[in-house]
Amino acid sequence: MDIDFATQLILEYKYLLMIPVAVVEGPVLSMISGVLLRLGQLSIIPTFAALAVGDLLGDAMWYWLGRRYGYSFVSRFGKYFSVTREHVETVRELFHVYHVRILLVSKVTMGIGFPAATLFTAGLSHIPFWKFMGLNALGQIVWTGLLLGIGFFLGNLYMNVNNIIGILSIAGMMGFFLLALYGFGRYLGNRLKQAL
């Protein structure tokens, strides 16, 4: 997705559009939104809520797919990924023992590169849905806040660089003006010396 196009859509439809876009591309949208927060184009509470709700809807979708189609997917396509039903049972047992840690760490670290697989496995393991959503919501608060913070910092950096470039431009123009004035004064002084 083109960043300029995404930015224009966000500014046009703001919070309403954030929810479905966050289902698909939450992290990038969160950072863009952080920049827009810094630039004063968005408000923090509706932005945070829309991003969190969208991302949690995507998590619920992966959970539901794992719960509904997990075993049939493994039976049908597992051989292509070297995943057997025994592997799934082993992972399922581990998931039941450590699901709190797995879900919290996975959310905050974006699934350590496999967010959809972790959420799918939670559904396949039949972790109770409300427990799953509660843990994901806790992780989501940290994750969304972190990404918005990064975007805000980048927006702040942009603003400071913009201010620094403006200050340097003004200083450069003043320096050029002073040098030109000095040069013109010397030119006039030389002309006066030649005339006298």
N, C-alpha and C. Protein backbone atom coordinates (compact mmCIF):
# COMPACT_ATOMS: atom_id res chain seq x y z
N MET A 1 0.85 -1.17 0.00
CA MET A 1 0.00 0.00 0.00
C MET A 1 0.89 1.23 0.00
N ASP A 2 0.60 2.16 -0.88
CA ASP A 2 1.36 3.40 -0.99
C ASP A 2 1.11 4.27 0.25
N ILE A 3 2.16 4.77 0.87
CA ILE A 3 2.03 5.53 2.11
C ILE A 3 1.27 6.84 1.89
N ASP A 4 1.49 7.52 0.77
CA ASP A 4 0.76 8.76 0.50
C ASP A 4 -0.74 8.50 0.36
N PHE A 5 -1.08 7.42 -0.36
CA PHE A 5 -2.49 7.05 -0.55
C PHE A 5 -3.13 6.71 0.80
N ALA A 6 -2.42 5.93 1.61
CA ALA A 6 -2.94 5.55 2.93
C ALA A 6 -3.13 6.79 3.81
N THR A 7 -2.19 7.71 3.75
CA THR A 7 -2.29 8.94 4.55
C THR A 7 -3.50 9.76 4.14
N GLN A 8 -3.74 9.89 2.84
CA GLN A 8 -4.90 10.65 2.37
C GLN A 8 -6.21 10.00 2.79
N LEU A 9 -6.27 8.67 2.72
CA LEU A 9 -7.48 7.96 3.16
C LEU A 9 -7.73 8.19 4.65
N ILE A 10 -6.67 8.13 5.43
CA ILE A 10 -6.81 8.33 6.88
C ILE A 10 -7.32 9.74 7.17
N LEU A 11 -6.76 10.73 6.50
CA LEU A 11 -7.19 12.10 6.74
C LEU A 11 -8.63 12.33 6.30
N GLU A 12 -9.04 11.66 5.24
CA GLU A 12 -10.41 11.84 4.73
C GLU A 12 -11.45 11.17 5.62
N TYR A 13 -11.24 9.89 5.95
CA TYR A 13 -12.25 9.13 6.67
C TYR A 13 -11.87 8.85 8.13
N LYS A 14 -10.68 9.20 8.46
CA LYS A 14 -10.12 9.11 9.80
C LYS A 14 -10.46 7.82 10.53
N TYR A 15 -11.15 7.92 11.62
CA TYR A 15 -11.30 6.82 12.57
C TYR A 15 -12.14 5.67 12.03
N LEU A 16 -13.14 5.97 11.24
CA LEU A 16 -14.00 4.92 10.70
C LEU A 16 -13.21 3.99 9.78
N LEU A 17 -12.36 4.55 8.98
CA LEU A 17 -11.56 3.75 8.05
C LEU A 17 -10.42 3.01 8.74
N MET A 18 -9.98 3.52 9.87
CA MET A 18 -8.86 2.90 10.56
C MET A 18 -9.16 1.46 10.98
N ILE A 19 -10.39 1.18 11.37
CA ILE A 19 -10.72 -0.14 11.89
C ILE A 19 -10.48 -1.24 10.84
N PRO A 20 -11.09 -1.18 9.64
CA PRO A 20 -10.83 -2.26 8.69
C PRO A 20 -9.39 -2.29 8.17
N VAL A 21 -8.75 -1.12 8.07
CA VAL A 21 -7.36 -1.10 7.60
C VAL A 21 -6.45 -1.71 8.66
N ALA A 22 -6.76 -1.47 9.93
CA ALA A 22 -5.95 -2.03 11.02
C ALA A 22 -6.06 -3.55 11.07
N VAL A 23 -7.19 -4.11 10.62
CA VAL A 23 -7.33 -5.57 10.56
C VAL A 23 -6.25 -6.15 9.65
N VAL A 24 -6.00 -5.46 8.54
CA VAL A 24 -5.05 -5.95 7.53
C VAL A 24 -3.62 -5.49 7.80
N GLU A 25 -3.45 -4.22 8.11
CA GLU A 25 -2.11 -3.64 8.24
C GLU A 25 -2.00 -2.73 9.45
N GLY A 26 -2.19 -3.30 10.62
CA GLY A 26 -2.21 -2.53 11.86
C GLY A 26 -0.91 -1.82 12.21
N PRO A 27 0.24 -2.49 12.18
CA PRO A 27 1.48 -1.83 12.60
C PRO A 27 1.86 -0.61 11.76
N VAL A 28 1.77 -0.72 10.45
CA VAL A 28 2.12 0.41 9.58
C VAL A 28 1.14 1.56 9.81
N LEU A 29 -0.14 1.22 9.88
CA LEU A 29 -1.16 2.24 10.12
C LEU A 29 -0.95 2.93 11.47
N SER A 30 -0.54 2.16 12.47
CA SER A 30 -0.30 2.74 13.79
C SER A 30 0.83 3.76 13.76
N MET A 31 1.89 3.45 13.04
CA MET A 31 3.01 4.39 12.97
C MET A 31 2.64 5.63 12.15
N ILE A 32 1.92 5.45 11.04
CA ILE A 32 1.46 6.60 10.26
C ILE A 32 0.55 7.47 11.13
N SER A 33 -0.32 6.81 11.89
CA SER A 33 -1.23 7.56 12.77
C SER A 33 -0.47 8.31 13.85
N GLY A 34 0.62 7.75 14.34
CA GLY A 34 1.45 8.45 15.32
C GLY A 34 2.04 9.73 14.75
N VAL A 35 2.48 9.67 13.50
CA VAL A 35 3.00 10.87 12.84
C VAL A 35 1.88 11.90 12.71
N LEU A 36 0.70 11.43 12.29
CA LEU A 36 -0.44 12.34 12.12
C LEU A 36 -0.90 12.92 13.46
N LEU A 37 -0.74 12.14 14.53
CA LEU A 37 -1.04 12.68 15.87
C LEU A 37 -0.12 13.86 16.18
N ARG A 38 1.15 13.68 15.88
CA ARG A 38 2.14 14.73 16.14
C ARG A 38 1.87 15.98 15.31
N LEU A 39 1.38 15.77 14.10
CA LEU A 39 1.10 16.89 13.21
C LEU A 39 -0.25 17.54 13.52
N GLY A 40 -0.97 16.97 14.50
CA GLY A 40 -2.25 17.55 14.91
C GLY A 40 -3.43 17.20 14.04
N GLN A 41 -3.30 16.15 13.22
CA GLN A 41 -4.37 15.76 12.31
C GLN A 41 -5.36 14.78 12.94
N LEU A 42 -4.95 14.10 14.00
CA LEU A 42 -5.79 13.10 14.67
C LEU A 42 -5.83 13.37 16.17
N SER A 43 -6.84 12.79 16.82
CA SER A 43 -6.93 12.86 18.28
C SER A 43 -6.53 11.51 18.86
N ILE A 44 -5.89 11.52 20.02
CA ILE A 44 -5.29 10.31 20.59
C ILE A 44 -6.31 9.23 20.95
N ILE A 45 -7.38 9.55 21.64
CA ILE A 45 -8.28 8.52 22.15
C ILE A 45 -9.02 7.79 21.02
N PRO A 46 -9.67 8.51 20.08
CA PRO A 46 -10.33 7.75 19.01
C PRO A 46 -9.34 7.01 18.11
N THR A 47 -8.16 7.57 17.92
CA THR A 47 -7.14 6.90 17.11
C THR A 47 -6.71 5.60 17.79
N PHE A 48 -6.38 5.69 19.07
CA PHE A 48 -5.96 4.51 19.82
C PHE A 48 -7.05 3.44 19.81
N ALA A 49 -8.29 3.86 20.06
CA ALA A 49 -9.42 2.91 20.11
C ALA A 49 -9.64 2.25 18.75
N ALA A 50 -9.63 3.02 17.68
CA ALA A 50 -9.86 2.46 16.34
C ALA A 50 -8.76 1.47 15.96
N LEU A 51 -7.52 1.81 16.25
CA LEU A 51 -6.41 0.91 15.92
C LEU A 51 -6.48 -0.38 16.73
N ALA A 52 -6.77 -0.26 18.03
CA ALA A 52 -6.83 -1.44 18.89
C ALA A 52 -7.99 -2.35 18.48
N VAL A 53 -9.16 -1.76 18.22
CA VAL A 53 -10.32 -2.56 17.83
C VAL A 53 -10.05 -3.28 16.51
N GLY A 54 -9.49 -2.57 15.53
CA GLY A 54 -9.19 -3.19 14.24
C GLY A 54 -8.22 -4.34 14.37
N ASP A 55 -7.16 -4.14 15.14
CA ASP A 55 -6.16 -5.20 15.31
C ASP A 55 -6.75 -6.39 16.06
N LEU A 56 -7.57 -6.13 17.06
CA LEU A 56 -8.19 -7.22 17.81
C LEU A 56 -9.21 -7.98 16.96
N LEU A 57 -9.89 -7.31 16.05
CA LEU A 57 -10.79 -8.01 15.13
C LEU A 57 -10.01 -8.97 14.23
N GLY A 58 -8.85 -8.53 13.77
CA GLY A 58 -7.99 -9.41 12.97
C GLY A 58 -7.53 -10.61 13.78
N ASP A 59 -7.18 -10.39 15.05
CA ASP A 59 -6.78 -11.49 15.92
C ASP A 59 -7.91 -12.48 16.11
N ALA A 60 -9.12 -11.96 16.31
CA ALA A 60 -10.30 -12.82 16.50
C ALA A 60 -10.56 -13.65 15.24
N MET A 61 -10.32 -13.04 14.07
CA MET A 61 -10.51 -13.78 12.81
C MET A 61 -9.54 -14.96 12.72
N TRP A 62 -8.26 -14.73 13.03
CA TRP A 62 -7.27 -15.81 13.00
C TRP A 62 -7.61 -16.89 14.03
N TYR A 63 -8.05 -16.47 15.20
CA TYR A 63 -8.46 -17.42 16.24
C TYR A 63 -9.60 -18.28 15.73
N TRP A 64 -10.61 -17.66 15.16
CA TRP A 64 -11.77 -18.39 14.66
C TRP A 64 -11.37 -19.36 13.55
N LEU A 65 -10.50 -18.93 12.63
CA LEU A 65 -10.04 -19.83 11.56
C LEU A 65 -9.31 -21.04 12.14
N GLY A 66 -8.48 -20.81 13.16
CA GLY A 66 -7.78 -21.92 13.79
C GLY A 66 -8.73 -22.86 14.51
N ARG A 67 -9.70 -22.30 15.19
CA ARG A 67 -10.66 -23.12 15.93
C ARG A 67 -11.54 -23.93 14.98
N ARG A 68 -11.96 -23.30 13.91
CA ARG A 68 -12.90 -23.94 12.97
C ARG A 68 -12.21 -24.88 11.99
N TYR A 69 -11.07 -24.46 11.46
CA TYR A 69 -10.44 -25.21 10.37
C TYR A 69 -9.03 -25.71 10.69
N GLY A 70 -8.59 -25.60 11.93
CA GLY A 70 -7.22 -25.95 12.28
C GLY A 70 -6.82 -27.36 11.92
N TYR A 71 -7.57 -28.33 12.42
CA TYR A 71 -7.20 -29.72 12.16
C TYR A 71 -7.37 -30.11 10.71
N SER A 72 -8.41 -29.63 10.05
CA SER A 72 -8.58 -29.97 8.63
C SER A 72 -7.46 -29.34 7.80
N PHE A 73 -7.01 -28.15 8.17
CA PHE A 73 -5.90 -27.52 7.47
C PHE A 73 -4.63 -28.34 7.63
N VAL A 74 -4.36 -28.77 8.86
CA VAL A 74 -3.16 -29.58 9.13
C VAL A 74 -3.24 -30.91 8.37
N SER A 75 -4.40 -31.55 8.38
CA SER A 75 -4.57 -32.82 7.68
C SER A 75 -4.35 -32.66 6.18
N ARG A 76 -4.82 -31.57 5.65
CA ARG A 76 -4.76 -31.37 4.21
C ARG A 76 -3.43 -30.80 3.73
N PHE A 77 -2.90 -29.79 4.44
CA PHE A 77 -1.72 -29.08 3.95
C PHE A 77 -0.49 -29.22 4.85
N GLY A 78 -0.62 -29.87 5.98
CA GLY A 78 0.49 -30.00 6.92
C GLY A 78 1.73 -30.64 6.33
N LYS A 79 1.53 -31.60 5.43
CA LYS A 79 2.68 -32.28 4.83
C LYS A 79 3.59 -31.32 4.06
N TYR A 80 3.03 -30.23 3.54
CA TYR A 80 3.83 -29.25 2.80
C TYR A 80 4.69 -28.38 3.72
N PHE A 81 4.33 -28.36 4.99
CA PHE A 81 5.07 -27.56 5.97
C PHE A 81 5.78 -28.44 7.01
N SER A 82 5.84 -29.74 6.76
CA SER A 82 6.42 -30.71 7.70
C SER A 82 5.74 -30.66 9.06
N VAL A 83 4.42 -30.50 9.04
CA VAL A 83 3.63 -30.46 10.27
C VAL A 83 2.72 -31.67 10.27
N THR A 84 2.87 -32.49 11.31
CA THR A 84 2.02 -33.66 11.44
C THR A 84 1.03 -33.44 12.58
N ARG A 85 0.08 -34.34 12.68
CA ARG A 85 -0.91 -34.23 13.75
C ARG A 85 -0.23 -34.39 15.12
N GLU A 86 0.84 -35.18 15.19
CA GLU A 86 1.58 -35.34 16.44
C GLU A 86 2.25 -34.02 16.84
N HIS A 87 2.82 -33.32 15.85
CA HIS A 87 3.40 -32.01 16.14
C HIS A 87 2.35 -31.05 16.69
N VAL A 88 1.18 -31.09 16.08
CA VAL A 88 0.10 -30.20 16.50
C VAL A 88 -0.32 -30.52 17.94
N GLU A 89 -0.40 -31.81 18.27
CA GLU A 89 -0.78 -32.19 19.64
C GLU A 89 0.26 -31.74 20.65
N THR A 90 1.54 -31.85 20.29
CA THR A 90 2.61 -31.40 21.18
C THR A 90 2.52 -29.89 21.40
N VAL A 91 2.35 -29.14 20.31
CA VAL A 91 2.23 -27.68 20.40
C VAL A 91 0.97 -27.31 21.18
N ARG A 92 -0.10 -28.04 20.96
CA ARG A 92 -1.35 -27.76 21.66
C ARG A 92 -1.19 -27.94 23.17
N GLU A 93 -0.48 -29.00 23.59
CA GLU A 93 -0.24 -29.21 25.01
C GLU A 93 0.61 -28.08 25.60
N LEU A 94 1.66 -27.68 24.88
CA LEU A 94 2.49 -26.56 25.33
C LEU A 94 1.67 -25.27 25.39
N PHE A 95 0.82 -25.08 24.42
CA PHE A 95 0.01 -23.87 24.38
C PHE A 95 -0.93 -23.80 25.57
N HIS A 96 -1.50 -24.95 25.94
CA HIS A 96 -2.40 -24.95 27.11
C HIS A 96 -1.66 -24.62 28.40
N VAL A 97 -0.43 -25.06 28.52
CA VAL A 97 0.34 -24.79 29.73
C VAL A 97 0.83 -23.34 29.77
N TYR A 98 1.32 -22.84 28.63
CA TYR A 98 1.98 -21.53 28.59
C TYR A 98 1.21 -20.48 27.78
N HIS A 99 -0.09 -20.65 27.58
CA HIS A 99 -0.82 -19.75 26.69
C HIS A 99 -0.80 -18.29 27.14
N VAL A 100 -0.76 -18.03 28.43
CA VAL A 100 -0.73 -16.64 28.90
C VAL A 100 0.55 -15.97 28.42
N ARG A 101 1.67 -16.60 28.67
CA ARG A 101 2.96 -16.04 28.26
C ARG A 101 3.07 -15.95 26.74
N ILE A 102 2.65 -17.03 26.07
CA ILE A 102 2.76 -17.06 24.61
C ILE A 102 1.96 -15.93 23.99
N LEU A 103 0.71 -15.76 24.43
CA LEU A 103 -0.15 -14.74 23.82
C LEU A 103 0.33 -13.32 24.14
N LEU A 104 0.74 -13.07 25.36
CA LEU A 104 1.21 -11.72 25.71
C LEU A 104 2.50 -11.37 24.98
N VAL A 105 3.46 -12.28 25.02
CA VAL A 105 4.74 -12.03 24.36
C VAL A 105 4.54 -11.95 22.85
N SER A 106 3.69 -12.82 22.32
CA SER A 106 3.44 -12.82 20.89
C SER A 106 2.84 -11.51 20.42
N LYS A 107 1.91 -10.97 21.19
CA LYS A 107 1.26 -9.72 20.79
C LYS A 107 2.24 -8.56 20.81
N VAL A 108 3.03 -8.49 21.86
CA VAL A 108 3.95 -7.36 22.00
C VAL A 108 5.13 -7.47 21.04
N THR A 109 5.46 -8.68 20.60
CA THR A 109 6.58 -8.85 19.68
C THR A 109 6.11 -9.19 18.27
N MET A 110 4.85 -8.95 18.00
CA MET A 110 4.24 -9.27 16.71
C MET A 110 4.42 -10.74 16.36
N GLY A 111 4.22 -11.59 17.33
CA GLY A 111 4.26 -13.02 17.07
C GLY A 111 5.63 -13.56 16.75
N ILE A 112 6.67 -12.81 17.09
CA ILE A 112 8.06 -13.18 16.78
C ILE A 112 8.14 -13.62 15.32
N GLY A 113 7.50 -12.85 14.46
CA GLY A 113 7.54 -13.12 13.03
C GLY A 113 6.41 -14.01 12.54
N PHE A 114 5.64 -14.60 13.43
CA PHE A 114 4.55 -15.49 13.04
C PHE A 114 3.26 -15.15 13.78
N PRO A 115 2.78 -13.90 13.68
CA PRO A 115 1.60 -13.55 14.48
C PRO A 115 0.37 -14.35 14.10
N ALA A 116 0.13 -14.54 12.82
CA ALA A 116 -1.06 -15.28 12.39
C ALA A 116 -0.99 -16.74 12.85
N ALA A 117 0.19 -17.34 12.78
CA ALA A 117 0.34 -18.74 13.20
C ALA A 117 0.06 -18.89 14.69
N THR A 118 0.51 -17.94 15.49
CA THR A 118 0.28 -18.00 16.94
C THR A 118 -1.21 -17.88 17.24
N LEU A 119 -1.88 -16.95 16.59
CA LEU A 119 -3.31 -16.75 16.82
C LEU A 119 -4.12 -17.95 16.31
N PHE A 120 -3.71 -18.49 15.18
CA PHE A 120 -4.34 -19.68 14.60
C PHE A 120 -4.20 -20.86 15.56
N THR A 121 -3.01 -21.00 16.14
CA THR A 121 -2.75 -22.09 17.09
C THR A 121 -3.58 -21.93 18.36
N ALA A 122 -3.79 -20.70 18.78
CA ALA A 122 -4.63 -20.46 19.96
C ALA A 122 -6.04 -20.97 19.70
N GLY A 123 -6.56 -20.73 18.51
CA GLY A 123 -7.88 -21.23 18.15
C GLY A 123 -7.90 -22.74 18.03
N LEU A 124 -6.88 -23.27 17.38
CA LEU A 124 -6.76 -24.73 17.22
C LEU A 124 -6.67 -25.42 18.58
N SER A 125 -6.03 -24.77 19.53
CA SER A 125 -5.86 -25.34 20.87
C SER A 125 -7.10 -25.16 21.74
N HIS A 126 -8.10 -24.49 21.23
CA HIS A 126 -9.37 -24.26 21.94
C HIS A 126 -9.16 -23.53 23.27
N ILE A 127 -8.24 -22.54 23.25
CA ILE A 127 -8.12 -21.65 24.40
C ILE A 127 -9.47 -20.92 24.50
N PRO A 128 -10.06 -20.78 25.68
CA PRO A 128 -11.35 -20.08 25.77
C PRO A 128 -11.27 -18.69 25.12
N PHE A 129 -12.27 -18.39 24.31
CA PHE A 129 -12.24 -17.16 23.50
C PHE A 129 -12.08 -15.91 24.35
N TRP A 130 -12.81 -15.77 25.43
CA TRP A 130 -12.74 -14.54 26.21
C TRP A 130 -11.41 -14.42 26.94
N LYS A 131 -10.82 -15.53 27.29
CA LYS A 131 -9.48 -15.49 27.89
C LYS A 131 -8.48 -15.05 26.82
N PHE A 132 -8.62 -15.62 25.64
CA PHE A 132 -7.77 -15.26 24.50
C PHE A 132 -7.88 -13.76 24.21
N MET A 133 -9.11 -13.24 24.13
CA MET A 133 -9.31 -11.82 23.82
C MET A 133 -8.81 -10.91 24.95
N GLY A 134 -8.99 -11.34 26.19
CA GLY A 134 -8.50 -10.55 27.32
C GLY A 134 -6.99 -10.41 27.29
N LEU A 135 -6.30 -11.52 27.06
CA LEU A 135 -4.84 -11.48 26.99
C LEU A 135 -4.38 -10.65 25.79
N ASN A 136 -5.05 -10.83 24.66
CA ASN A 136 -4.69 -10.06 23.48
C ASN A 136 -4.95 -8.57 23.69
N ALA A 137 -6.03 -8.23 24.39
CA ALA A 137 -6.33 -6.83 24.65
C ALA A 137 -5.24 -6.20 25.52
N LEU A 138 -4.75 -6.93 26.52
CA LEU A 138 -3.65 -6.41 27.35
C LEU A 138 -2.41 -6.15 26.50
N GLY A 139 -2.06 -7.14 25.69
CA GLY A 139 -0.90 -6.97 24.81
C GLY A 139 -1.13 -5.87 23.78
N GLN A 140 -2.38 -5.72 23.34
CA GLN A 140 -2.72 -4.72 22.34
C GLN A 140 -2.50 -3.31 22.86
N ILE A 141 -2.81 -3.08 24.12
CA ILE A 141 -2.61 -1.76 24.73
C ILE A 141 -1.14 -1.37 24.64
N VAL A 142 -0.27 -2.31 24.99
CA VAL A 142 1.18 -2.03 24.94
C VAL A 142 1.63 -1.84 23.49
N TRP A 143 1.19 -2.74 22.61
CA TRP A 143 1.64 -2.74 21.22
C TRP A 143 1.19 -1.47 20.49
N THR A 144 -0.09 -1.13 20.62
CA THR A 144 -0.60 0.07 19.94
C THR A 144 0.07 1.32 20.51
N GLY A 145 0.22 1.38 21.82
CA GLY A 145 0.89 2.52 22.43
C GLY A 145 2.33 2.67 21.95
N LEU A 146 3.03 1.55 21.85
CA LEU A 146 4.42 1.56 21.39
C LEU A 146 4.51 2.06 19.94
N LEU A 147 3.67 1.54 19.07
CA LEU A 147 3.72 1.93 17.66
C LEU A 147 3.30 3.39 17.46
N LEU A 148 2.27 3.82 18.18
CA LEU A 148 1.88 5.23 18.11
C LEU A 148 3.02 6.12 18.62
N GLY A 149 3.69 5.67 19.68
CA GLY A 149 4.83 6.42 20.22
C GLY A 149 5.96 6.54 19.21
N ILE A 150 6.25 5.45 18.52
CA ILE A 150 7.30 5.50 17.49
C ILE A 150 6.91 6.48 16.39
N GLY A 151 5.66 6.38 15.93
CA GLY A 151 5.19 7.32 14.90
C GLY A 151 5.23 8.76 15.38
N PHE A 152 4.82 8.98 16.64
CA PHE A 152 4.84 10.33 17.21
C PHE A 152 6.28 10.85 17.26
N PHE A 153 7.21 10.00 17.67
CA PHE A 153 8.62 10.39 17.72
C PHE A 153 9.12 10.75 16.32
N LEU A 154 8.76 9.94 15.32
CA LEU A 154 9.18 10.24 13.96
C LEU A 154 8.57 11.55 13.47
N GLY A 155 7.30 11.79 13.84
CA GLY A 155 6.66 13.05 13.50
C GLY A 155 7.35 14.22 14.18
N ASN A 156 7.73 14.02 15.44
CA ASN A 156 8.45 15.05 16.18
C ASN A 156 9.80 15.32 15.53
N LEU A 157 10.47 14.25 15.12
CA LEU A 157 11.76 14.39 14.44
C LEU A 157 11.58 15.19 13.15
N TYR A 158 10.52 14.87 12.42
CA TYR A 158 10.22 15.60 11.18
C TYR A 158 10.01 17.09 11.48
N MET A 159 9.23 17.37 12.53
CA MET A 159 8.96 18.76 12.89
C MET A 159 10.25 19.47 13.29
N ASN A 160 11.11 18.79 14.05
CA ASN A 160 12.36 19.42 14.48
C ASN A 160 13.30 19.64 13.31
N VAL A 161 13.38 18.64 12.43
CA VAL A 161 14.23 18.79 11.25
C VAL A 161 13.68 19.92 10.40
N ASN A 162 12.38 20.00 10.27
CA ASN A 162 11.77 21.07 9.51
C ASN A 162 12.10 22.42 10.15
N ASN A 163 12.02 22.50 11.47
CA ASN A 163 12.37 23.74 12.16
C ASN A 163 13.85 24.05 12.02
N ILE A 164 14.70 23.05 12.15
CA ILE A 164 16.14 23.25 12.03
C ILE A 164 16.49 23.74 10.63
N ILE A 165 15.88 23.13 9.62
CA ILE A 165 16.15 23.56 8.24
C ILE A 165 15.67 25.00 8.05
N GLY A 166 14.52 25.33 8.63
CA GLY A 166 14.03 26.71 8.55
C GLY A 166 14.98 27.69 9.22
N ILE A 167 15.46 27.33 10.41
CA ILE A 167 16.40 28.20 11.13
C ILE A 167 17.70 28.34 10.35
N LEU A 168 18.20 27.21 9.82
CA LEU A 168 19.43 27.26 9.03
C LEU A 168 19.25 28.10 7.78
N SER A 169 18.08 28.00 7.16
CA SER A 169 17.81 28.80 5.97
C SER A 169 17.81 30.29 6.30
N ILE A 170 17.15 30.65 7.39
CA ILE A 170 17.12 32.07 7.80
C ILE A 170 18.53 32.54 8.15
N ALA A 171 19.29 31.71 8.91
CA ALA A 171 20.66 32.07 9.26
C ALA A 171 21.52 32.20 8.01
N GLY A 172 21.32 31.31 7.06
CA GLY A 172 22.08 31.38 5.81
C GLY A 172 21.75 32.63 5.02
N MET A 173 20.46 32.98 4.96
CA MET A 173 20.07 34.21 4.24
C MET A 173 20.62 35.44 4.94
N MET A 174 20.58 35.43 6.28
CA MET A 174 21.14 36.57 7.02
C MET A 174 22.64 36.67 6.79
N GLY A 175 23.33 35.55 6.83
CA GLY A 175 24.76 35.53 6.57
C GLY A 175 25.08 36.03 5.17
N PHE A 176 24.30 35.55 4.20
CA PHE A 176 24.50 35.99 2.81
C PHE A 176 24.26 37.49 2.69
N PHE A 177 23.21 37.99 3.35
CA PHE A 177 22.89 39.42 3.32
C PHE A 177 24.03 40.24 3.95
N LEU A 178 24.56 39.75 5.10
CA LEU A 178 25.66 40.46 5.77
C LEU A 178 26.92 40.45 4.91
N LEU A 179 27.22 39.31 4.29
CA LEU A 179 28.38 39.24 3.39
C LEU A 179 28.19 40.15 2.19
N ALA A 180 26.98 40.17 1.64
CA ALA A 180 26.71 41.05 0.49
C ALA A 180 26.85 42.51 0.91
N LEU A 181 26.35 42.85 2.09
CA LEU A 181 26.45 44.22 2.60
C LEU A 181 27.92 44.59 2.82
N TYR A 182 28.69 43.67 3.39
CA TYR A 182 30.12 43.89 3.61
C TYR A 182 30.84 44.07 2.28
N GLY A 183 30.53 43.18 1.33
CA GLY A 183 31.15 43.29 0.00
C GLY A 183 30.78 44.58 -0.70
N PHE A 184 29.51 44.97 -0.58
CA PHE A 184 29.07 46.22 -1.21
C PHE A 184 29.76 47.42 -0.55
N GLY A 185 29.94 47.37 0.79
CA GLY A 185 30.64 48.44 1.52
C GLY A 185 32.09 48.54 1.07
N ARG A 186 32.74 47.41 0.88
CA ARG A 186 34.14 47.43 0.40
C ARG A 186 34.21 47.97 -1.02
N TYR A 187 33.25 47.57 -1.84
CA TYR A 187 33.20 48.05 -3.22
C TYR A 187 33.06 49.57 -3.24
N LEU A 188 32.12 50.08 -2.42
CA LEU A 188 31.93 51.52 -2.35
C LEU A 188 33.18 52.23 -1.81
N GLY A 189 33.83 51.60 -0.81
CA GLY A 189 35.06 52.18 -0.25
C GLY A 189 36.16 52.25 -1.30
N ASN A 190 36.33 51.22 -2.09
CA ASN A 190 37.34 51.22 -3.15
C ASN A 190 37.01 52.25 -4.21
N ARG A 191 35.73 52.37 -4.53
CA ARG A 191 35.32 53.37 -5.56
C ARG A 191 35.61 54.80 -5.04
N LEU A 192 35.37 54.99 -3.75
CA LEU A 192 35.63 56.31 -3.16
C LEU A 192 37.12 56.63 -3.17
N LYS A 193 37.94 55.62 -2.86
CA LYS A 193 39.40 55.81 -2.86
C LYS A 193 39.88 56.15 -4.25
N GLN A 194 39.31 55.49 -5.25
CA GLN A 194 39.73 55.74 -6.65
C GLN A 194 39.27 57.13 -7.07
N ALA A 195 38.13 57.56 -6.59
CA ALA A 195 37.59 58.86 -6.98
C ALA A 195 38.40 59.99 -6.33
N LEU A 196 38.91 59.77 -5.14
CA LEU A 196 39.66 60.81 -4.45
C LEU A 196 41.07 60.75 -4.91
